[in-house]
Amino acid sequence: MSVSSDLWVALPARRFVSGSALSSGALRWFLRDSARSASGLVLVAVFASPASAGAFASRWAGRVPGLSFVAARRVPEGWAVSVPVAPAP
């Protein structure tokens, strides 16, 4: 997918999302490729509880261009939330 660099600039930097995840109680975070993200990259934060994951998801919903909500999903370690992030400069 070809996306203009203007959109990448509007996406949050991974350091902001990872810092937010850790301060929200994330057990860990990692980056993965995503065909649905405009940048092709998402940060996945893993939480122990659905309440913590939901609070983090709510914090980022609407702050990412073109994304009106961020959902938490069940994973073996707990609950995961994926947030599109800008690629490294």
C-alpha atoms as a PDB file:
ATOM      1  CA  MET A   1       0.000   0.000   0.000  1.00  0.00           C
ATOM      2  CA  SER A   2       1.350   3.392  -0.917  1.00  0.00           C
ATOM      3  CA  VAL A   3       0.564   6.094   1.611  1.00  0.00           C
ATOM      4  CA  SER A   4       1.678   9.698   1.626  1.00  0.00           C
ATOM      5  CA  SER A   5       4.252  10.724   4.196  1.00  0.00           C
ATOM      6  CA  ASP A   6       1.742  13.341   5.452  1.00  0.00           C
ATOM      7  CA  LEU A   7      -0.305  10.550   7.010  1.00  0.00           C
ATOM      8  CA  TRP A   8       2.796   9.010   8.579  1.00  0.00           C
ATOM      9  CA  VAL A   9       3.546  12.340  10.231  1.00  0.00           C
ATOM     10  CA  ALA A  10       0.018  12.347  11.686  1.00  0.00           C
ATOM     11  CA  LEU A  11       0.430   8.854  13.168  1.00  0.00           C
ATOM     12  CA  PRO A  12       1.796   8.688  16.716  1.00  0.00           C
ATOM     13  CA  ALA A  13       5.458   7.816  17.212  1.00  0.00           C
ATOM     14  CA  ARG A  14       6.063   4.388  18.689  1.00  0.00           C
ATOM     15  CA  ARG A  15       7.886   5.872  21.708  1.00  0.00           C
ATOM     16  CA  PHE A  16       4.741   7.774  22.728  1.00  0.00           C
ATOM     17  CA  VAL A  17       2.492   4.742  22.344  1.00  0.00           C
ATOM     18  CA  SER A  18       4.932   2.387  24.089  1.00  0.00           C
ATOM     19  CA  GLY A  19       5.405   4.843  26.970  1.00  0.00           C
ATOM     20  CA  SER A  20       1.654   5.228  27.279  1.00  0.00           C
ATOM     21  CA  ALA A  21       1.226   1.437  27.262  1.00  0.00           C
ATOM     22  CA  LEU A  22       3.811   0.878  29.980  1.00  0.00           C
ATOM     23  CA  SER A  23       2.452   3.666  32.171  1.00  0.00           C
ATOM     24  CA  SER A  24      -1.019   2.129  31.712  1.00  0.00           C
ATOM     25  CA  GLY A  25       0.183  -1.194  33.118  1.00  0.00           C
ATOM     26  CA  ALA A  26       1.110  -3.140  29.972  1.00  0.00           C
ATOM     27  CA  LEU A  27       2.984  -6.362  30.629  1.00  0.00           C
ATOM     28  CA  ARG A  28       4.913  -5.899  27.409  1.00  0.00           C
ATOM     29  CA  TRP A  29       4.709  -4.393  23.937  1.00  0.00           C
ATOM     30  CA  PHE A  30       6.033  -5.303  20.518  1.00  0.00           C
ATOM     31  CA  LEU A  31       5.867  -4.092  16.926  1.00  0.00           C
ATOM     32  CA  ARG A  32       4.356  -6.071  14.069  1.00  0.00           C
ATOM     33  CA  ASP A  33       3.533  -5.549  10.429  1.00  0.00           C
ATOM     34  CA  SER A  34      -0.080  -4.802   9.568  1.00  0.00           C
ATOM     35  CA  ALA A  35      -1.701  -4.641   6.165  1.00  0.00           C
ATOM     36  CA  ARG A  36      -4.591  -2.630   7.657  1.00  0.00           C
ATOM     37  CA  SER A  37      -2.430   0.122   9.153  1.00  0.00           C
ATOM     38  CA  ALA A  38      -1.692   3.087   6.886  1.00  0.00           C
ATOM     39  CA  SER A  39       1.985   2.898   7.838  1.00  0.00           C
ATOM     40  CA  GLY A  40       2.091  -0.891   7.668  1.00  0.00           C
ATOM     41  CA  LEU A  41       3.124  -1.054  11.332  1.00  0.00           C
ATOM     42  CA  VAL A  42       1.294  -1.408  14.648  1.00  0.00           C
ATOM     43  CA  LEU A  43       2.422  -1.445  18.254  1.00  0.00           C
ATOM     44  CA  VAL A  44       0.752  -4.254  20.204  1.00  0.00           C
ATOM     45  CA  ALA A  45       0.466  -3.753  23.966  1.00  0.00           C
ATOM     46  CA  VAL A  46      -0.419  -6.744  26.152  1.00  0.00           C
ATOM     47  CA  PHE A  47      -2.321  -6.255  29.425  1.00  0.00           C
ATOM     48  CA  ALA A  48      -3.267  -8.654  32.232  1.00  0.00           C
ATOM     49  CA  SER A  49      -6.828  -7.396  32.574  1.00  0.00           C
ATOM     50  CA  PRO A  50      -9.558  -6.397  30.147  1.00  0.00           C
ATOM     51  CA  ALA A  51     -10.139  -3.218  32.173  1.00  0.00           C
ATOM     52  CA  SER A  52      -6.533  -2.033  31.690  1.00  0.00           C
ATOM     53  CA  ALA A  53      -6.604  -2.948  28.005  1.00  0.00           C
ATOM     54  CA  GLY A  54      -9.936  -1.181  27.540  1.00  0.00           C
ATOM     55  CA  ALA A  55      -8.701   1.970  29.270  1.00  0.00           C
ATOM     56  CA  PHE A  56      -5.602   2.043  27.051  1.00  0.00           C
ATOM     57  CA  ALA A  57      -7.700   1.438  23.928  1.00  0.00           C
ATOM     58  CA  SER A  58     -10.050   4.272  24.906  1.00  0.00           C
ATOM     59  CA  ARG A  59      -7.099   6.597  25.398  1.00  0.00           C
ATOM     60  CA  TRP A  60      -5.939   6.050  21.797  1.00  0.00           C
ATOM     61  CA  ALA A  61      -9.346   5.838  20.082  1.00  0.00           C
ATOM     62  CA  GLY A  62      -9.892   8.885  17.900  1.00  0.00           C
ATOM     63  CA  ARG A  63      -6.282  10.055  18.268  1.00  0.00           C
ATOM     64  CA  VAL A  64      -5.115   8.062  15.261  1.00  0.00           C
ATOM     65  CA  PRO A  65      -6.151   9.497  11.866  1.00  0.00           C
ATOM     66  CA  GLY A  66      -8.802   7.369  10.180  1.00  0.00           C
ATOM     67  CA  LEU A  67      -9.371   5.221  13.261  1.00  0.00           C
ATOM     68  CA  SER A  68     -12.463   5.943  15.322  1.00  0.00           C
ATOM     69  CA  PHE A  69     -11.947   3.116  17.804  1.00  0.00           C
ATOM     70  CA  VAL A  70      -9.232   0.805  19.110  1.00  0.00           C
ATOM     71  CA  ALA A  71     -10.323  -2.633  20.314  1.00  0.00           C
ATOM     72  CA  ALA A  72      -8.884  -4.995  22.896  1.00  0.00           C
ATOM     73  CA  ARG A  73      -8.765  -8.694  22.034  1.00  0.00           C
ATOM     74  CA  ARG A  74      -8.095 -11.830  24.043  1.00  0.00           C
ATOM     75  CA  VAL A  75      -4.645 -13.405  23.640  1.00  0.00           C
ATOM     76  CA  PRO A  76      -2.967 -16.240  25.583  1.00  0.00           C
ATOM     77  CA  GLU A  77      -1.061 -13.790  27.848  1.00  0.00           C
ATOM     78  CA  GLY A  78      -4.109 -11.619  28.602  1.00  0.00           C
ATOM     79  CA  TRP A  79      -5.560  -8.817  26.467  1.00  0.00           C
ATOM     80  CA  ALA A  80      -3.914  -7.102  23.499  1.00  0.00           C
ATOM     81  CA  VAL A  81      -4.476  -3.703  21.926  1.00  0.00           C
ATOM     82  CA  SER A  82      -2.963  -2.742  18.542  1.00  0.00           C
ATOM     83  CA  VAL A  83      -2.324   0.916  17.734  1.00  0.00           C
ATOM     84  CA  PRO A  84      -1.022   2.063  14.313  1.00  0.00           C
ATOM     85  CA  VAL A  85       2.277   3.924  14.659  1.00  0.00           C
ATOM     86  CA  ALA A  86       4.524   5.901  12.352  1.00  0.00           C
ATOM     87  CA  PRO A  87       7.508   4.100  10.875  1.00  0.00           C
ATOM     88  CA  ALA A  88      10.921   4.988  12.264  1.00  0.00           C
ATOM     89  CA  PRO A  89      12.425   8.022  10.531  1.00  0.00           C
END
